[in-house]
Amino acid sequence: MSETTGKDPAAARFAVLQLVRLSGALLAFAGVLIISGKVSWLPKLPEAAGYALLGAGLVDFFAGPMLLARRWKSRP
């Protein structure tokens, strides 16, 4: 890294990976809250919506960072 640029592309990519993981965890958590139906401040949504959010969150949490890392991997 050059000191004149001040930006490290690896640091930016790491931040993006962590944000993808965080968004996946939040989606999964929202899905669990909807499925439980015990949270009064959430609008009453069908249980199927909770399962859809849970599934999307798990895929986002586990597969998203792997796919991004594979795409960003430098080639020899």
Protein backbone atom coordinates (compact mmCIF):
# COMPACT_ATOMS: atom_id res chain seq x y z
CA MET A 1 0.00 0.00 0.00
CA SER A 2 1.25 3.43 -0.84
CA GLU A 3 1.18 6.06 1.88
CA THR A 4 -0.08 8.61 -0.62
CA THR A 5 -3.33 6.78 -1.37
CA GLY A 6 -4.29 6.20 2.27
CA LYS A 7 -6.82 3.48 1.39
CA ASP A 8 -6.19 -0.22 1.65
CA PRO A 9 -8.48 -2.26 -0.62
CA ALA A 10 -8.17 -5.26 1.70
CA ALA A 11 -9.50 -3.23 4.63
CA ALA A 12 -12.48 -2.07 2.58
CA ARG A 13 -13.22 -5.62 1.47
CA PHE A 14 -12.98 -6.86 5.05
CA ALA A 15 -15.47 -4.20 6.12
CA VAL A 16 -17.87 -5.25 3.36
CA LEU A 17 -17.59 -8.91 4.43
CA GLN A 18 -18.42 -7.98 8.00
CA LEU A 19 -21.40 -5.89 6.92
CA VAL A 20 -22.73 -8.80 4.85
CA ARG A 21 -22.42 -11.06 7.89
CA LEU A 22 -24.13 -8.50 10.12
CA SER A 23 -27.00 -8.04 7.69
CA GLY A 24 -27.45 -11.82 7.51
CA ALA A 25 -27.53 -12.10 11.29
CA LEU A 26 -30.07 -9.28 11.57
CA LEU A 27 -32.30 -10.85 8.91
CA ALA A 28 -32.18 -14.21 10.66
CA PHE A 29 -32.93 -12.58 14.01
CA ALA A 30 -35.91 -10.74 12.54
CA GLY A 31 -37.15 -14.02 11.11
CA VAL A 32 -36.93 -15.71 14.49
CA LEU A 33 -38.80 -12.82 16.11
CA ILE A 34 -41.59 -13.07 13.54
CA ILE A 35 -41.81 -16.86 13.91
CA SER A 36 -42.05 -16.62 17.70
CA GLY A 37 -44.92 -14.11 17.50
CA LYS A 38 -44.15 -12.87 21.00
CA VAL A 39 -42.90 -9.42 20.04
CA SER A 40 -45.71 -6.89 20.33
CA TRP A 41 -44.00 -4.02 18.50
CA LEU A 42 -43.59 -6.05 15.29
CA PRO A 43 -46.53 -5.98 12.92
CA LYS A 44 -48.39 -9.27 12.73
CA LEU A 45 -46.81 -11.03 9.78
CA PRO A 46 -47.45 -14.57 8.60
CA GLU A 47 -45.17 -17.24 10.00
CA ALA A 48 -44.05 -18.07 6.45
CA ALA A 49 -42.53 -14.59 6.17
CA GLY A 50 -40.48 -15.32 9.26
CA TYR A 51 -39.19 -18.56 7.77
CA ALA A 52 -38.34 -16.76 4.52
CA LEU A 53 -36.39 -14.09 6.42
CA LEU A 54 -34.64 -16.72 8.50
CA GLY A 55 -33.59 -18.66 5.41
CA ALA A 56 -32.42 -15.54 3.58
CA GLY A 57 -30.48 -14.42 6.64
CA LEU A 58 -28.72 -17.76 7.03
CA VAL A 59 -27.77 -17.84 3.35
CA ASP A 60 -26.57 -14.24 3.60
CA PHE A 61 -24.57 -14.97 6.76
CA PHE A 62 -22.86 -18.16 5.59
CA ALA A 63 -22.70 -18.04 1.79
CA GLY A 64 -22.45 -14.31 1.11
CA PRO A 65 -18.93 -13.75 2.48
CA MET A 66 -17.63 -16.92 0.83
CA LEU A 67 -18.96 -15.87 -2.56
CA LEU A 68 -17.52 -12.37 -2.22
CA ALA A 69 -14.14 -13.68 -1.08
CA ARG A 70 -14.03 -16.10 -4.01
CA ARG A 71 -14.88 -13.28 -6.41
CA TRP A 72 -12.21 -10.98 -4.95
CA LYS A 73 -9.50 -13.64 -4.78
CA SER A 74 -6.44 -12.56 -6.70
CA ARG A 75 -5.39 -14.81 -9.53
CA PRO A 76 -1.75 -15.76 -10.08
